[in-house]
């Protein structure tokens, strides 16, 4: 599944509301202007997965969620078949782009990767249990396509068009709803039974953790040769059955830990890697009820970071 939006970066010339009072030497009513770089997402008409309903769901979610690790909605437009969202500028692009380019992945040291994971995990924990009025949200499309990186490498979750609200009394219940998501990221229990729980997001996030660990996209041909479901089943097999999950670690990270590496980068600490791999595996177990909550995931990722920086 893909929303197939077309992305543009634009500079908007707009009034600066914070400095709208008249200044000496300017005519009354003449306001200083601000130049803002934004991202414009344009959705084509007739899209199989993304229509008017998803467009308005995304607007509703983005106006309801206030978190530093979700994208900020600036404006929108719908006219005839045109549907456009204007969001904050996230100048370092999608996480997905780094996973498919080895040179770009070299930018992301282990410490930086851990911080990205923690930020996404914090945002997901907020959706699952930290919303006002006891609202809870299941994202349903967590993947590296929907994680942006801003100019400071802060992670921002995007892609809220297929989200669903849970009522407070549904906290531990499942919704039975049409399966949505992108192949390798979809919770296998949700796909088989249409049983959607917050743990479905946990599975998808676990796949993102594995992508960051392995330095490859979940649907990379190297994984698709072993399983038509991609990275998840391959990692489970290597972790549980063969004990060779270390062989899947991004070679770039292994270079950083080499005794012959004199680049001013500190490679992954062994305890940090072990803690990270363990929680990633727990996230992608096949049974929903055996997966951790996002609160537990955040705690373990922060532990992995503390091993790394201490």
Protein backbone atom coordinates (compact mmCIF):
# COMPACT_ATOMS: atom_id res chain seq x y z
CA UNK A 1 0.00 0.00 0.00
CA UNK A 2 1.18 3.52 -0.74
CA UNK A 3 -0.58 6.86 -0.59
CA UNK A 4 1.29 7.90 -3.77
CA UNK A 5 1.26 11.56 -2.80
CA UNK A 6 3.43 14.00 -4.73
CA UNK A 7 5.65 16.14 -2.52
CA UNK A 8 6.75 19.71 -3.11
CA UNK A 9 8.81 22.12 -1.06
CA UNK A 10 7.65 25.69 -1.27
CA UNK A 11 8.54 29.05 0.19
CA UNK A 12 5.49 30.88 1.45
CA UNK A 13 5.45 34.66 1.68
CA UNK A 14 3.09 35.35 4.53
CA UNK A 15 2.42 37.87 7.26
CA UNK A 16 4.28 37.34 10.50
CA UNK A 17 1.46 37.42 13.06
CA UNK A 18 3.85 37.67 16.00
CA UNK A 19 5.27 40.95 14.67
CA UNK A 20 2.21 42.43 13.05
CA UNK A 21 2.32 45.84 14.79
CA UNK A 22 3.46 48.80 12.71
CA UNK A 23 7.10 49.78 12.91
CA UNK A 24 8.82 53.15 12.64
CA UNK A 25 9.25 54.17 9.05
CA UNK A 26 6.45 51.91 7.75
CA UNK A 27 2.95 52.77 6.77
CA UNK A 28 0.18 51.86 9.18
CA UNK A 29 -1.24 48.49 8.24
CA UNK A 30 1.93 47.39 6.46
CA UNK A 31 3.24 44.23 8.10
CA UNK A 32 6.67 42.63 8.03
CA UNK A 33 6.72 39.48 5.96
CA UNK A 34 8.10 36.06 6.88
CA UNK A 35 9.45 33.47 4.45
CA UNK A 36 8.50 29.95 5.48
CA UNK A 37 9.59 26.73 3.82
CA UNK A 38 6.82 24.12 3.89
CA UNK A 39 6.10 20.70 2.42
CA UNK A 40 3.06 20.38 0.18
CA UNK A 41 1.54 16.92 -0.19
CA UNK A 42 -0.70 16.55 -3.21
CA UNK A 43 -2.90 13.45 -3.44
CA UNK A 44 -4.14 12.30 -6.86
CA UNK A 45 -7.80 11.61 -7.49
CA UNK A 46 -8.91 8.02 -7.94
CA UNK A 47 -6.31 6.64 -5.52
CA UNK A 48 -7.26 3.13 -4.37
CA UNK A 49 -6.11 3.69 -0.80
CA UNK A 50 -6.32 7.40 -0.16
CA UNK A 51 -9.58 9.22 -0.79
CA UNK A 52 -11.65 12.01 0.72
CA UNK A 53 -12.36 10.01 3.89
CA UNK A 54 -8.66 9.41 4.54
CA UNK A 55 -7.89 13.06 3.74
CA UNK A 56 -10.30 14.36 6.36
CA UNK A 57 -9.18 11.69 8.85
CA UNK A 58 -5.63 12.95 8.46
CA UNK A 59 -6.73 16.54 9.07
CA UNK A 60 -8.73 15.50 12.15
CA UNK A 61 -5.81 13.56 13.58
CA UNK A 62 -3.22 16.25 12.93
CA UNK A 63 -5.41 18.89 14.57
CA UNK A 64 -6.01 16.60 17.59
CA UNK A 65 -2.43 15.48 18.19
CA UNK A 66 0.09 17.83 19.72
CA UNK A 67 3.47 16.17 20.07
CA UNK A 68 7.00 17.25 19.07
CA UNK A 69 7.49 13.99 17.16
CA UNK A 70 4.46 14.23 14.89
CA UNK A 71 4.33 16.52 11.85
CA UNK A 72 2.61 19.88 12.22
CA UNK A 73 -0.30 20.69 9.91
CA UNK A 74 -0.18 24.25 8.57
CA UNK A 75 -3.11 24.17 6.16
CA UNK A 76 -5.08 22.18 3.61
CA UNK A 77 -7.12 22.58 0.46
CA UNK A 78 -9.73 20.41 -1.23
CA UNK A 79 -11.21 21.59 -4.51
CA UNK A 80 -12.81 19.33 -7.10
CA UNK A 81 -10.42 16.37 -7.33
CA UNK A 82 -7.48 18.19 -5.74
CA UNK A 83 -6.53 17.34 -2.15
CA UNK A 84 -3.55 19.16 -0.68
CA UNK A 85 -1.98 19.19 2.78
CA UNK A 86 0.58 21.77 3.85
CA UNK A 87 2.88 20.59 6.64
CA UNK A 88 6.02 21.86 8.32
CA UNK A 89 9.31 21.58 6.48
CA UNK A 90 11.15 18.37 7.33
CA UNK A 91 14.30 19.01 5.40
CA UNK A 92 16.16 15.72 5.87
CA UNK A 93 13.40 13.71 4.21
CA UNK A 94 11.92 10.28 4.84
CA UNK A 95 13.74 7.65 6.88
CA UNK A 96 12.97 5.28 3.99
CA UNK A 97 15.32 7.20 1.71
CA UNK A 98 18.28 6.46 3.99
CA UNK A 99 17.50 2.74 4.16
CA UNK A 100 17.80 2.37 0.40
CA UNK A 101 21.02 4.34 0.08
CA UNK A 102 24.17 3.01 1.75
CA UNK A 103 25.98 6.35 1.60
CA UNK A 104 23.07 8.10 3.31
CA UNK A 105 22.95 5.45 6.04
CA UNK A 106 26.54 6.33 6.96
CA UNK A 107 25.23 9.65 8.26
CA UNK A 108 23.15 7.82 10.86
CA UNK A 109 25.50 6.70 13.63
CA UNK A 110 24.21 4.21 16.17
CA UNK A 111 23.56 6.93 18.74
CA UNK A 112 21.62 8.96 16.18
CA UNK A 113 19.60 5.89 15.17
CA UNK A 114 18.73 5.20 18.81
CA UNK A 115 17.50 8.76 19.31
CA UNK A 116 15.31 8.54 16.20
CA UNK A 117 13.79 5.29 17.49
CA UNK A 118 13.12 6.78 20.93
CA UNK A 119 11.41 9.82 19.43
CA UNK A 120 9.11 7.70 17.27
CA UNK A 121 8.40 5.43 20.24
CA UNK A 122 7.50 8.43 22.42
CA UNK A 123 5.08 9.69 19.78
CA UNK A 124 3.45 6.26 19.50
CA UNK A 125 3.15 5.96 23.27
CA UNK A 126 1.42 9.35 23.23
CA UNK A 127 -1.07 8.15 20.60
CA UNK A 128 -1.75 4.93 22.48
CA UNK A 129 -2.13 6.28 25.99
CA UNK A 130 -1.22 9.95 26.38
CA UNK A 131 -3.97 11.81 24.52
CA UNK A 132 -6.24 14.30 26.25
CA UNK A 133 -9.81 13.27 27.12
CA UNK A 134 -8.58 9.67 27.40
CA UNK A 135 -8.61 9.30 23.62
CA UNK A 136 -6.44 6.56 22.15
CA UNK A 137 -5.30 6.31 18.56
CA UNK A 138 -4.05 3.36 16.52
CA UNK A 139 -1.95 4.70 13.66
CA UNK A 140 -2.26 1.63 11.36
CA UNK A 141 0.51 2.67 8.98
CA UNK A 142 3.76 2.96 10.93
CA UNK A 143 6.65 2.44 8.52
CA UNK A 144 9.82 4.14 7.37
CA UNK A 145 7.80 5.86 4.61
CA UNK A 146 5.90 7.74 7.32
CA UNK A 147 8.82 8.87 9.45
CA UNK A 148 10.34 12.22 8.51
CA UNK A 149 13.61 13.68 9.78
CA UNK A 150 13.87 17.43 10.28
CA UNK A 151 16.96 19.63 10.03
CA UNK A 152 18.02 18.59 13.55
CA UNK A 153 17.44 14.88 12.81
CA UNK A 154 14.37 14.87 15.02
CA UNK A 155 11.90 12.18 13.95
CA UNK A 156 8.33 13.15 12.98
CA UNK A 157 5.52 10.63 12.37
CA UNK A 158 3.33 11.31 9.34
CA UNK A 159 0.64 9.39 7.41
CA UNK A 160 -2.40 9.66 9.67
CA UNK A 161 -5.03 9.01 7.01
CA UNK A 162 -5.93 5.48 8.16
CA UNK A 163 -5.82 6.12 11.93
CA UNK A 164 -8.69 5.02 14.16
CA UNK A 165 -9.81 6.31 17.55
CA UNK A 166 -10.34 3.93 20.45
CA UNK A 167 -12.87 4.90 23.10
CA UNK A 168 -11.69 4.75 26.74
CA UNK A 169 -13.74 1.61 27.39
CA UNK A 170 -12.10 -0.09 24.38
CA UNK A 171 -8.59 0.13 25.80
CA UNK A 172 -8.02 -3.61 26.03
CA UNK A 173 -10.44 -4.61 23.29
CA UNK A 174 -9.80 -5.24 19.63
CA UNK A 175 -11.47 -3.62 16.65
CA UNK A 176 -12.45 -5.82 13.75
CA UNK A 177 -11.71 -3.70 10.73
CA UNK A 178 -10.39 -4.06 7.19
CA UNK A 179 -6.65 -4.65 7.18
CA UNK A 180 -4.64 -1.60 6.08
CA UNK A 181 -0.90 -1.12 5.99
CA UNK A 182 2.14 -1.80 3.85
CA UNK A 183 3.09 -5.42 3.20
CA UNK A 184 6.17 -6.10 5.30
CA UNK A 185 4.98 -3.86 8.15
CA UNK A 186 1.53 -5.39 8.66
CA UNK A 187 0.84 -7.25 11.91
CA UNK A 188 0.37 -10.90 10.80
CA UNK A 189 -2.40 -11.51 13.35
CA UNK A 190 -4.28 -8.41 12.17
CA UNK A 191 -3.85 -9.54 8.55
CA UNK A 192 -5.24 -13.02 9.27
CA UNK A 193 -8.09 -12.15 11.64
CA UNK A 194 -8.84 -8.43 10.97
CA UNK A 195 -8.31 -8.06 14.74
CA UNK A 196 -6.76 -4.62 15.24
CA UNK A 197 -5.14 -3.65 18.54
CA UNK A 198 -2.56 -1.13 19.64
CA UNK A 199 -0.11 -4.03 19.48
CA UNK A 200 -0.54 -3.92 15.70
CA UNK A 201 1.30 -0.58 15.76
CA UNK A 202 3.91 -2.16 18.04
CA UNK A 203 4.58 -4.84 15.39
CA UNK A 204 4.97 -2.23 12.63
CA UNK A 205 7.31 -0.20 14.81
CA UNK A 206 9.31 -3.35 15.53
CA UNK A 207 9.88 -3.71 11.80
CA UNK A 208 11.18 -0.12 11.71
CA UNK A 209 13.56 -0.98 14.58
CA UNK A 210 14.85 -3.94 12.58
CA UNK A 211 15.29 -1.77 9.48
CA UNK A 212 17.40 0.67 11.48
CA UNK A 213 19.44 -2.18 12.96
CA UNK A 214 19.99 -3.89 9.61
CA UNK A 215 20.34 -0.76 7.47
CA UNK A 216 17.93 -2.10 4.83
CA UNK A 217 14.28 -1.58 3.94
CA UNK A 218 11.88 -4.27 5.16
CA UNK A 219 11.02 -5.28 1.61
CA UNK A 220 14.62 -5.44 0.40
CA UNK A 221 15.10 -8.32 -2.09
CA UNK A 222 17.59 -9.97 0.28
CA UNK A 223 14.70 -10.59 2.71
CA UNK A 224 11.99 -11.22 0.11
CA UNK A 225 14.03 -14.16 -1.21
CA UNK A 226 13.67 -15.84 2.19
CA UNK A 227 10.09 -14.81 2.96
CA UNK A 228 7.40 -13.10 0.91
CA UNK A 229 6.51 -11.21 4.11
CA UNK A 230 9.92 -9.54 4.20
CA UNK A 231 12.14 -8.67 7.15
CA UNK A 232 9.93 -9.70 10.10
CA UNK A 233 9.84 -13.49 9.57
CA UNK A 234 13.52 -13.54 8.57
CA UNK A 235 14.54 -11.74 11.77
CA UNK A 236 12.32 -13.97 13.93
CA UNK A 237 13.87 -17.08 12.40
CA UNK A 238 17.42 -15.79 12.83
CA UNK A 239 16.78 -14.63 16.39
CA UNK A 240 14.88 -17.62 17.75
CA UNK A 241 15.94 -20.63 15.66
CA UNK A 242 19.47 -20.04 14.47
CA UNK A 243 20.77 -17.39 16.86
CA UNK A 244 22.40 -15.58 13.95
CA UNK A 245 20.56 -12.25 14.11
CA UNK A 246 23.95 -10.56 14.65
CA UNK A 247 24.78 -11.49 11.05
CA UNK A 248 21.95 -9.18 9.91
CA UNK A 249 23.38 -6.06 11.58
CA UNK A 250 24.18 -3.19 9.21
CA UNK A 251 27.80 -3.60 8.02
CA UNK A 252 28.24 0.15 8.49
CA UNK A 253 27.66 -0.30 12.22
CA UNK A 254 30.13 -3.16 12.26
CA UNK A 255 32.70 -0.90 10.61
CA UNK A 256 32.19 1.62 13.40
CA UNK A 257 33.05 -1.01 16.02
CA UNK A 258 36.17 -2.25 14.22
CA UNK A 259 39.41 -1.87 16.14
CA UNK A 260 40.90 -0.48 12.93
CA UNK A 261 38.33 2.28 12.60
CA UNK A 262 39.93 5.63 13.41
CA UNK A 263 37.00 7.78 12.27
CA UNK A 264 35.71 9.97 15.09
CA UNK A 265 32.56 7.92 15.56
CA UNK A 266 31.80 5.63 18.42
CA UNK A 267 30.39 2.31 17.33
CA UNK A 268 27.57 0.44 19.05
CA UNK A 269 28.12 -0.69 22.62
CA UNK A 270 27.50 -4.44 22.93
CA UNK A 271 24.94 -4.06 25.74
CA UNK A 272 23.21 -1.32 23.78
CA UNK A 273 22.94 -3.59 20.74
CA UNK A 274 21.78 -6.55 22.81
CA UNK A 275 19.06 -4.50 24.55
CA UNK A 276 17.91 -3.05 21.23
CA UNK A 277 17.77 -6.43 19.48
CA UNK A 278 15.82 -8.00 22.32
CA UNK A 279 13.06 -5.36 22.36
CA UNK A 280 12.89 -5.31 18.54
CA UNK A 281 12.34 -9.08 18.54
CA UNK A 282 9.64 -8.81 21.22
CA UNK A 283 7.81 -6.24 19.11
CA UNK A 284 7.60 -8.54 16.08
CA UNK A 285 6.46 -11.79 17.69
CA UNK A 286 3.47 -13.17 15.80
CA UNK A 287 0.96 -13.06 18.66
CA UNK A 288 -0.42 -9.65 19.60
CA UNK A 289 -0.81 -10.40 23.31
CA UNK A 290 2.87 -11.33 23.64
CA UNK A 291 4.12 -7.95 22.41
CA UNK A 292 5.18 -5.20 24.83
CA UNK A 293 3.33 -1.92 25.27
CA UNK A 294 4.90 1.21 23.84
CA UNK A 295 5.67 2.33 27.40
CA UNK A 296 7.90 -0.74 27.81
CA UNK A 297 9.43 -0.19 24.38
CA UNK A 298 10.37 3.41 25.25
CA UNK A 299 11.95 2.26 28.52
CA UNK A 300 14.08 -0.40 26.81
CA UNK A 301 15.21 1.92 24.02
CA UNK A 302 16.21 4.55 26.56
CA UNK A 303 18.17 1.83 28.37
CA UNK A 304 19.94 0.99 25.08
CA UNK A 305 20.83 4.67 24.64
CA UNK A 306 22.13 4.92 28.21
CA UNK A 307 24.47 1.96 27.57
CA UNK A 308 25.68 3.71 24.45
CA UNK A 309 26.45 7.13 25.95
CA UNK A 310 27.69 6.08 29.40
